[in-house]
């Protein structure tokens, strides 16, 4: 099973998103200047659907296949 967490964080950073704070449990809060919204990112993303949902919420036009 693929781990998407590192690739999602790298994509967020490369598109200008920044880490804001740690959330509850193993979640982190990131800010996306593209959508002007905060996005919750889990530290253990094992599903490509979850990874794609995070990217969609942050306004990044990239999809894992």
PDB file of N, CA and C in Angstrom:
ATOM      1  N   UNK A   1       0.849  -1.183   0.000  1.00  0.00           N
ATOM      2  CA  UNK A   1       0.000   0.000   0.000  1.00  0.00           C
ATOM      3  C   UNK A   1       0.894   1.247   0.000  1.00  0.00           C
ATOM      4  N   UNK A   2       0.566   2.179  -0.816  1.00  0.00           N
ATOM      5  CA  UNK A   2       1.384   3.387  -0.978  1.00  0.00           C
ATOM      6  C   UNK A   2       1.130   4.380   0.154  1.00  0.00           C
ATOM      7  N   UNK A   3       2.174   5.074   0.520  1.00  0.00           N
ATOM      8  CA  UNK A   3       2.070   6.169   1.483  1.00  0.00           C
ATOM      9  C   UNK A   3       2.114   7.477   0.692  1.00  0.00           C
ATOM     10  N   UNK A   4       1.095   8.269   0.803  1.00  0.00           N
ATOM     11  CA  UNK A   4       0.989   9.501   0.014  1.00  0.00           C
ATOM     12  C   UNK A   4       1.374  10.746   0.803  1.00  0.00           C
ATOM     13  N   UNK A   5       1.591  10.614   2.091  1.00  0.00           N
ATOM     14  CA  UNK A   5       1.780  11.780   2.956  1.00  0.00           C
ATOM     15  C   UNK A   5       2.946  12.654   2.507  1.00  0.00           C
ATOM     16  N   UNK A   6       4.107  12.069   2.261  1.00  0.00           N
ATOM     17  CA  UNK A   6       5.285  12.863   1.875  1.00  0.00           C
ATOM     18  C   UNK A   6       5.063  13.555   0.536  1.00  0.00           C
ATOM     19  N   UNK A   7       4.483  12.838  -0.426  1.00  0.00           N
ATOM     20  CA  UNK A   7       4.256  13.434  -1.746  1.00  0.00           C
ATOM     21  C   UNK A   7       3.230  14.563  -1.674  1.00  0.00           C
ATOM     22  N   UNK A   8       2.194  14.405  -0.842  1.00  0.00           N
ATOM     23  CA  UNK A   8       1.190  15.466  -0.690  1.00  0.00           C
ATOM     24  C   UNK A   8       1.824  16.698  -0.066  1.00  0.00           C
ATOM     25  N   UNK A   9       2.620  16.511   0.975  1.00  0.00           N
ATOM     26  CA  UNK A   9       3.278  17.654   1.622  1.00  0.00           C
ATOM     27  C   UNK A   9       4.250  18.357   0.671  1.00  0.00           C
ATOM     28  N   UNK A  10       4.982  17.582  -0.128  1.00  0.00           N
ATOM     29  CA  UNK A  10       5.898  18.184  -1.100  1.00  0.00           C
ATOM     30  C   UNK A  10       5.133  18.996  -2.145  1.00  0.00           C
ATOM     31  N   UNK A  11       3.990  18.473  -2.608  1.00  0.00           N
ATOM     32  CA  UNK A  11       3.169  19.214  -3.570  1.00  0.00           C
ATOM     33  C   UNK A  11       2.616  20.493  -2.947  1.00  0.00           C
ATOM     34  N   UNK A  12       2.181  20.407  -1.696  1.00  0.00           N
ATOM     35  CA  UNK A  12       1.667  21.592  -1.010  1.00  0.00           C
ATOM     36  C   UNK A  12       2.751  22.661  -0.923  1.00  0.00           C
ATOM     37  N   UNK A  13       3.952  22.267  -0.505  1.00  0.00           N
ATOM     38  CA  UNK A  13       5.057  23.223  -0.384  1.00  0.00           C
ATOM     39  C   UNK A  13       5.417  23.836  -1.729  1.00  0.00           C
ATOM     40  N   UNK A  14       5.450  23.022  -2.777  1.00  0.00           N
ATOM     41  CA  UNK A  14       5.857  23.534  -4.083  1.00  0.00           C
ATOM     42  C   UNK A  14       4.826  24.486  -4.689  1.00  0.00           C
ATOM     43  N   UNK A  15       3.591  24.452  -4.198  1.00  0.00           N
ATOM     44  CA  UNK A  15       2.554  25.362  -4.689  1.00  0.00           C
ATOM     45  C   UNK A  15       2.320  26.535  -3.739  1.00  0.00           C
ATOM     46  N   UNK A  16       3.224  26.748  -2.799  1.00  0.00           N
ATOM     47  CA  UNK A  16       3.160  27.923  -1.937  1.00  0.00           C
ATOM     48  C   UNK A  16       2.343  27.750  -0.668  1.00  0.00           C
ATOM     49  N   UNK A  17       1.856  26.558  -0.416  1.00  0.00           N
ATOM     50  CA  UNK A  17       1.112  26.327   0.819  1.00  0.00           C
ATOM     51  C   UNK A  17       2.094  26.260   1.988  1.00  0.00           C
ATOM     52  N   UNK A  18       1.609  26.628   3.176  1.00  0.00           N
ATOM     53  CA  UNK A  18       2.513  26.616   4.327  1.00  0.00           C
ATOM     54  C   UNK A  18       1.864  25.942   5.524  1.00  0.00           C
ATOM     55  N   UNK A  19       2.716  25.323   6.329  1.00  0.00           N
ATOM     56  CA  UNK A  19       2.276  24.681   7.559  1.00  0.00           C
ATOM     57  C   UNK A  19       1.870  25.755   8.556  1.00  0.00           C
ATOM     58  N   UNK A  20       0.699  25.577   9.204  1.00  0.00           N
ATOM     59  CA  UNK A  20       0.231  26.551  10.180  1.00  0.00           C
ATOM     60  C   UNK A  20       0.442  26.033  11.591  1.00  0.00           C
ATOM     61  N   UNK A  21      -0.102  24.837  11.882  1.00  0.00           N
ATOM     62  CA  UNK A  21      -0.001  24.306  13.242  1.00  0.00           C
ATOM     63  C   UNK A  21      -0.376  22.829  13.244  1.00  0.00           C
ATOM     64  N   UNK A  22      -0.097  22.189  14.376  1.00  0.00           N
ATOM     65  CA  UNK A  22      -0.544  20.819  14.576  1.00  0.00           C
ATOM     66  C   UNK A  22      -1.995  20.849  15.026  1.00  0.00           C
ATOM     67  N   UNK A  23      -2.791  19.930  14.520  1.00  0.00           N
ATOM     68  CA  UNK A  23      -4.193  19.842  14.914  1.00  0.00           C
ATOM     69  C   UNK A  23      -4.377  18.732  15.929  1.00  0.00           C
ATOM     70  N   UNK A  24      -5.585  18.211  16.002  1.00  0.00           N
ATOM     71  CA  UNK A  24      -5.866  17.126  16.937  1.00  0.00           C
ATOM     72  C   UNK A  24      -5.311  15.816  16.402  1.00  0.00           C
ATOM     73  N   UNK A  25      -4.841  14.993  17.308  1.00  0.00           N
ATOM     74  CA  UNK A  25      -4.321  13.694  16.919  1.00  0.00           C
ATOM     75  C   UNK A  25      -3.102  13.834  16.036  1.00  0.00           C
ATOM     76  N   UNK A  26      -3.105  13.143  14.913  1.00  0.00           N
ATOM     77  CA  UNK A  26      -1.958  13.184  14.006  1.00  0.00           C
ATOM     78  C   UNK A  26      -2.244  14.010  12.755  1.00  0.00           C
ATOM     79  N   UNK A  27      -3.070  15.037  12.903  1.00  0.00           N
ATOM     80  CA  UNK A  27      -3.408  15.914  11.785  1.00  0.00           C
ATOM     81  C   UNK A  27      -2.660  17.240  11.904  1.00  0.00           C
ATOM     82  N   UNK A  28      -2.352  17.817  10.754  1.00  0.00           N
ATOM     83  CA  UNK A  28      -1.725  19.134  10.683  1.00  0.00           C
ATOM     84  C   UNK A  28      -2.613  20.062   9.878  1.00  0.00           C
ATOM     85  N   UNK A  29      -2.538  21.349  10.185  1.00  0.00           N
ATOM     86  CA  UNK A  29      -3.307  22.368   9.481  1.00  0.00           C
ATOM     87  C   UNK A  29      -2.343  23.129   8.565  1.00  0.00           C
ATOM     88  N   UNK A  30      -2.705  23.206   7.297  1.00  0.00           N
ATOM     89  CA  UNK A  30      -1.929  23.927   6.293  1.00  0.00           C
ATOM     90  C   UNK A  30      -2.788  25.047   5.716  1.00  0.00           C
ATOM     91  N   UNK A  31      -2.124  26.126   5.282  1.00  0.00           N
ATOM     92  CA  UNK A  31      -2.827  27.236   4.635  1.00  0.00           C
ATOM     93  C   UNK A  31      -2.501  27.223   3.144  1.00  0.00           C
ATOM     94  N   UNK A  32      -3.545  27.333   2.315  1.00  0.00           N
ATOM     95  CA  UNK A  32      -3.375  27.388   0.863  1.00  0.00           C
ATOM     96  C   UNK A  32      -3.677  28.800   0.370  1.00  0.00           C
ATOM     97  N   UNK A  33      -2.674  29.499  -0.181  1.00  0.00           N
ATOM     98  CA  UNK A  33      -2.934  30.829  -0.729  1.00  0.00           C
ATOM     99  C   UNK A  33      -3.748  30.782  -2.025  1.00  0.00           C
ATOM    100  N   UNK A  34      -3.808  29.618  -2.656  1.00  0.00           N
ATOM    101  CA  UNK A  34      -4.568  29.472  -3.896  1.00  0.00           C
ATOM    102  C   UNK A  34      -6.062  29.636  -3.621  1.00  0.00           C
ATOM    103  N   UNK A  35      -6.548  28.970  -2.570  1.00  0.00           N
ATOM    104  CA  UNK A  35      -7.974  29.021  -2.233  1.00  0.00           C
ATOM    105  C   UNK A  35      -8.251  29.920  -1.030  1.00  0.00           C
ATOM    106  N   UNK A  36      -7.196  30.423  -0.373  1.00  0.00           N
ATOM    107  CA  UNK A  36      -7.319  31.238   0.840  1.00  0.00           C
ATOM    108  C   UNK A  36      -8.081  30.470   1.929  1.00  0.00           C
ATOM    109  N   UNK A  37      -7.756  29.165   2.057  1.00  0.00           N
ATOM    110  CA  UNK A  37      -8.405  28.305   3.046  1.00  0.00           C
ATOM    111  C   UNK A  37      -7.365  27.500   3.816  1.00  0.00           C
ATOM    112  N   UNK A  38      -7.783  27.012   4.967  1.00  0.00           N
ATOM    113  CA  UNK A  38      -6.969  26.080   5.728  1.00  0.00           C
ATOM    114  C   UNK A  38      -7.386  24.658   5.351  1.00  0.00           C
ATOM    115  N   UNK A  39      -6.400  23.772   5.256  1.00  0.00           N
ATOM    116  CA  UNK A  39      -6.627  22.393   4.846  1.00  0.00           C
ATOM    117  C   UNK A  39      -6.049  21.477   5.915  1.00  0.00           C
ATOM    118  N   UNK A  40      -6.790  20.440   6.278  1.00  0.00           N
ATOM    119  CA  UNK A  40      -6.324  19.455   7.246  1.00  0.00           C
ATOM    120  C   UNK A  40      -5.613  18.322   6.516  1.00  0.00           C
ATOM    121  N   UNK A  41      -4.400  18.014   6.971  1.00  0.00           N
ATOM    122  CA  UNK A  41      -3.594  16.962   6.347  1.00  0.00           C
ATOM    123  C   UNK A  41      -3.259  15.915   7.405  1.00  0.00           C
ATOM    124  N   UNK A  42      -3.653  14.685   7.137  1.00  0.00           N
ATOM    125  CA  UNK A  42      -3.363  13.571   8.032  1.00  0.00           C
ATOM    126  C   UNK A  42      -1.896  13.180   7.877  1.00  0.00           C
ATOM    127  N   UNK A  43      -1.294  12.642   8.929  1.00  0.00           N
ATOM    128  CA  UNK A  43       0.110  12.249   8.837  1.00  0.00           C
ATOM    129  C   UNK A  43       0.283  10.851   8.279  1.00  0.00           C
ATOM    130  N   UNK A  44      -0.807  10.117   8.101  1.00  0.00           N
ATOM    131  CA  UNK A  44      -0.727   8.768   7.528  1.00  0.00           C
ATOM    132  C   UNK A  44      -1.777   8.634   6.434  1.00  0.00           C
ATOM    133  N   UNK A  45      -1.477   9.169   5.261  1.00  0.00           N
ATOM    134  CA  UNK A  45      -2.405   9.108   4.132  1.00  0.00           C
ATOM    135  C   UNK A  45      -2.110   7.836   3.347  1.00  0.00           C
ATOM    136  N   UNK A  46      -3.001   6.859   3.417  1.00  0.00           N
ATOM    137  CA  UNK A  46      -2.798   5.592   2.724  1.00  0.00           C
ATOM    138  C   UNK A  46      -3.702   5.444   1.510  1.00  0.00           C
ATOM    139  N   UNK A  47      -4.657   6.317   1.343  1.00  0.00           N
ATOM    140  CA  UNK A  47      -5.602   6.231   0.241  1.00  0.00           C
ATOM    141  C   UNK A  47      -5.341   7.349  -0.756  1.00  0.00           C
ATOM    142  N   UNK A  48      -5.299   6.995  -2.041  1.00  0.00           N
ATOM    143  CA  UNK A  48      -5.101   8.033  -3.055  1.00  0.00           C
ATOM    144  C   UNK A  48      -6.317   8.945  -3.139  1.00  0.00           C
ATOM    145  N   UNK A  49      -7.482   8.437  -2.742  1.00  0.00           N
ATOM    146  CA  UNK A  49      -8.691   9.260  -2.750  1.00  0.00           C
ATOM    147  C   UNK A  49      -8.585  10.371  -1.705  1.00  0.00           C
ATOM    148  N   UNK A  50      -8.051  10.041  -0.547  1.00  0.00           N
ATOM    149  CA  UNK A  50      -7.835  11.048   0.495  1.00  0.00           C
ATOM    150  C   UNK A  50      -6.789  12.054   0.040  1.00  0.00           C
ATOM    151  N   UNK A  51      -5.716  11.567  -0.558  1.00  0.00           N
ATOM    152  CA  UNK A  51      -4.664  12.459  -1.050  1.00  0.00           C
ATOM    153  C   UNK A  51      -5.212  13.410  -2.104  1.00  0.00           C
ATOM    154  N   UNK A  52      -6.016  12.881  -3.028  1.00  0.00           N
ATOM    155  CA  UNK A  52      -6.612  13.724  -4.069  1.00  0.00           C
ATOM    156  C   UNK A  52      -7.593  14.731  -3.486  1.00  0.00           C
ATOM    157  N   UNK A  53      -8.319  14.355  -2.438  1.00  0.00           N
ATOM    158  CA  UNK A  53      -9.265  15.280  -1.808  1.00  0.00           C
ATOM    159  C   UNK A  53      -8.527  16.440  -1.146  1.00  0.00           C
ATOM    160  N   UNK A  54      -7.398  16.157  -0.518  1.00  0.00           N
ATOM    161  CA  UNK A  54      -6.601  17.218   0.109  1.00  0.00           C
ATOM    162  C   UNK A  54      -6.088  18.182  -0.958  1.00  0.00           C
ATOM    163  N   UNK A  55      -5.596  17.646  -2.061  1.00  0.00           N
ATOM    164  CA  UNK A  55      -5.090  18.501  -3.135  1.00  0.00           C
ATOM    165  C   UNK A  55      -6.215  19.328  -3.753  1.00  0.00           C
ATOM    166  N   UNK A  56      -7.389  18.735  -3.896  1.00  0.00           N
ATOM    167  CA  UNK A  56      -8.526  19.466  -4.458  1.00  0.00           C
ATOM    168  C   UNK A  56      -8.948  20.606  -3.530  1.00  0.00           C
ATOM    169  N   UNK A  57      -8.985  20.352  -2.230  1.00  0.00           N
ATOM    170  CA  UNK A  57      -9.348  21.390  -1.263  1.00  0.00           C
ATOM    171  C   UNK A  57      -8.345  22.534  -1.263  1.00  0.00           C
ATOM    172  N   UNK A  58      -7.084  22.212  -1.546  1.00  0.00           N
ATOM    173  CA  UNK A  58      -6.059  23.257  -1.540  1.00  0.00           C
ATOM    174  C   UNK A  58      -5.929  23.960  -2.888  1.00  0.00           C
ATOM    175  N   UNK A  59      -6.690  23.511  -3.894  1.00  0.00           N
ATOM    176  CA  UNK A  59      -6.695  24.182  -5.188  1.00  0.00           C
ATOM    177  C   UNK A  59      -5.591  23.756  -6.123  1.00  0.00           C
ATOM    178  N   UNK A  60      -4.927  22.643  -5.823  1.00  0.00           N
ATOM    179  CA  UNK A  60      -3.834  22.152  -6.659  1.00  0.00           C
ATOM    180  C   UNK A  60      -4.389  21.203  -7.701  1.00  0.00           C
ATOM    181  N   UNK A  61      -4.066  21.470  -8.948  1.00  0.00           N
ATOM    182  CA  UNK A  61      -4.583  20.670 -10.043  1.00  0.00           C
ATOM    183  C   UNK A  61      -3.632  19.513 -10.327  1.00  0.00           C
ATOM    184  N   UNK A  62      -3.637  18.531  -9.447  1.00  0.00           N
ATOM    185  CA  UNK A  62      -2.829  17.330  -9.599  1.00  0.00           C
ATOM    186  C   UNK A  62      -3.625  16.166  -9.014  1.00  0.00           C
ATOM    187  N   UNK A  63      -3.603  15.030  -9.674  1.00  0.00           N
ATOM    188  CA  UNK A  63      -4.347  13.864  -9.185  1.00  0.00           C
ATOM    189  C   UNK A  63      -3.453  12.638  -9.221  1.00  0.00           C
ATOM    190  N   UNK A  64      -3.438  11.880  -8.143  1.00  0.00           N
ATOM    191  CA  UNK A  64      -2.726  10.607  -8.102  1.00  0.00           C
ATOM    192  C   UNK A  64      -3.551   9.576  -8.860  1.00  0.00           C
ATOM    193  N   UNK A  65      -2.892   8.742  -9.651  1.00  0.00           N
ATOM    194  CA  UNK A  65      -3.569   7.692 -10.425  1.00  0.00           C
ATOM    195  C   UNK A  65      -3.511   6.371  -9.733  1.00  0.00           C
TER     196      UNK A  65
END
